[in-house]
């Protein structure tokens, strides 16, 4: 538990420093990083093996990319439409991005499994 808290604190401090140096937009993207990801991956790898940890990394990366797309879409849409419409458009962008990336990763994984 101490490892999780330490990594969470470090991730939060990094997001704060990025915000102070480069502004709220850049710092906000760093808040999409799961603060306890590194600690969780270490524990998963120890208890369930490397393959399980790699699967979690893949999901975290897809989620982070989706959240970044969501943030970019909200930022772009707010200049043109209402907040509700901007969030709806950003949700659609997030969903489309995550589903597309998932299908790509799953297709590559299945192709790799067949070639073994």
Protein backbone atom coordinates (compact mmCIF):
# COMPACT_ATOMS: atom_id res chain seq x y z
CA UNK A 1 0.00 0.00 0.00
CA UNK A 2 2.86 2.39 0.75
CA UNK A 3 4.19 1.90 -2.78
CA UNK A 4 0.80 2.80 -4.25
CA UNK A 5 0.53 5.93 -2.14
CA UNK A 6 4.07 6.99 -3.03
CA UNK A 7 3.56 6.54 -6.76
CA UNK A 8 0.20 8.32 -6.57
CA UNK A 9 1.80 11.26 -4.79
CA UNK A 10 4.65 11.43 -7.31
CA UNK A 11 2.20 11.34 -10.25
CA UNK A 12 0.15 14.15 -8.67
CA UNK A 13 3.25 16.28 -8.04
CA UNK A 14 4.40 15.78 -11.64
CA UNK A 15 0.97 16.86 -12.92
CA UNK A 16 1.16 19.95 -10.67
CA UNK A 17 4.66 20.86 -11.88
CA UNK A 18 3.61 20.43 -15.52
CA UNK A 19 0.60 22.66 -14.84
CA UNK A 20 2.76 25.38 -13.29
CA UNK A 21 5.34 25.22 -16.09
CA UNK A 22 3.15 24.75 -19.16
CA UNK A 23 -0.38 25.70 -18.12
CA UNK A 24 -3.60 23.96 -17.16
CA UNK A 25 -4.13 22.34 -20.56
CA UNK A 26 -0.84 20.46 -20.42
CA UNK A 27 -1.25 19.60 -16.74
CA UNK A 28 -4.76 18.31 -17.33
CA UNK A 29 -3.47 15.74 -19.77
CA UNK A 30 -1.10 14.44 -17.11
CA UNK A 31 -4.03 14.01 -14.73
CA UNK A 32 -5.33 11.36 -17.14
CA UNK A 33 -2.37 9.19 -16.05
CA UNK A 34 -3.58 6.68 -13.49
CA UNK A 35 -1.64 7.70 -10.40
CA UNK A 36 -1.25 4.19 -9.09
CA UNK A 37 -0.60 2.46 -12.42
CA UNK A 38 3.08 1.77 -11.84
CA UNK A 39 2.54 0.38 -8.35
CA UNK A 40 -0.43 -1.69 -9.49
CA UNK A 41 1.54 -3.14 -12.38
CA UNK A 42 4.32 -4.14 -10.01
CA UNK A 43 1.86 -5.95 -7.75
CA UNK A 44 0.06 -7.61 -10.67
CA UNK A 45 3.34 -8.80 -12.15
CA UNK A 46 4.40 -10.34 -8.84
CA UNK A 47 1.07 -12.09 -8.19
CA UNK A 48 -0.24 -12.93 -11.67
CA UNK A 49 2.79 -12.79 -13.95
CA UNK A 50 4.20 -10.59 -16.66
CA UNK A 51 1.47 -11.34 -19.22
CA UNK A 52 -1.26 -10.06 -16.90
CA UNK A 53 0.74 -6.88 -16.23
CA UNK A 54 1.26 -6.34 -19.98
CA UNK A 55 -2.49 -6.68 -20.53
CA UNK A 56 -3.08 -3.99 -17.91
CA UNK A 57 -0.50 -1.71 -19.56
CA UNK A 58 -2.27 -2.10 -22.89
CA UNK A 59 -5.59 -1.11 -21.36
CA UNK A 60 -4.04 1.85 -19.56
CA UNK A 61 -2.43 3.13 -22.75
CA UNK A 62 -5.69 2.84 -24.69
CA UNK A 63 -7.53 4.63 -21.88
CA UNK A 64 -4.95 7.41 -21.69
CA UNK A 65 -5.09 8.00 -25.44
CA UNK A 66 -8.89 8.05 -25.25
CA UNK A 67 -8.83 10.61 -22.43
CA UNK A 68 -6.36 12.79 -24.34
CA UNK A 69 -8.66 12.69 -27.39
CA UNK A 70 -11.60 13.57 -25.13
CA UNK A 71 -9.73 16.59 -23.72
CA UNK A 72 -8.66 17.80 -27.15
CA UNK A 73 -12.18 17.36 -28.53
CA UNK A 74 -13.78 19.29 -25.64
CA UNK A 75 -11.26 22.09 -26.05
CA UNK A 76 -11.89 22.33 -29.79
CA UNK A 77 -15.68 22.07 -29.52
CA UNK A 78 -16.18 24.60 -26.70
CA UNK A 79 -15.32 27.45 -29.05
CA UNK A 80 -18.17 26.47 -31.35
CA UNK A 81 -20.98 24.79 -29.38
CA UNK A 82 -22.53 24.64 -25.91
CA UNK A 83 -20.87 22.77 -23.05
CA UNK A 84 -23.36 19.89 -23.27
CA UNK A 85 -22.81 19.49 -27.00
CA UNK A 86 -19.03 19.73 -26.53
CA UNK A 87 -19.08 16.96 -23.94
CA UNK A 88 -21.32 14.81 -26.16
CA UNK A 89 -18.98 15.29 -29.13
CA UNK A 90 -15.95 14.56 -26.96
CA UNK A 91 -17.63 11.42 -25.62
CA UNK A 92 -18.23 10.24 -29.18
CA UNK A 93 -14.57 10.95 -30.02
CA UNK A 94 -13.43 9.07 -26.91
CA UNK A 95 -15.65 6.09 -27.65
CA UNK A 96 -14.64 5.93 -31.31
CA UNK A 97 -10.96 6.22 -30.44
CA UNK A 98 -11.03 3.57 -27.74
CA UNK A 99 -13.08 1.11 -29.78
CA UNK A 100 -10.87 1.56 -32.83
CA UNK A 101 -7.67 1.14 -30.84
CA UNK A 102 -9.08 -1.89 -29.04
CA UNK A 103 -10.02 -3.55 -32.32
CA UNK A 104 -6.55 -2.86 -33.74
CA UNK A 105 -4.80 -4.26 -30.65
CA UNK A 106 -7.07 -7.31 -30.55
CA UNK A 107 -6.56 -8.01 -34.28
CA UNK A 108 -2.78 -7.79 -33.91
CA UNK A 109 -2.88 -9.98 -30.80
CA UNK A 110 -4.96 -12.66 -32.53
CA UNK A 111 -2.70 -12.61 -35.61
CA UNK A 112 0.34 -12.93 -33.36
CA UNK A 113 -1.26 -15.86 -31.48
CA UNK A 114 -2.02 -17.72 -34.73
CA UNK A 115 1.59 -17.32 -35.92
CA UNK A 116 3.02 -19.05 -32.84
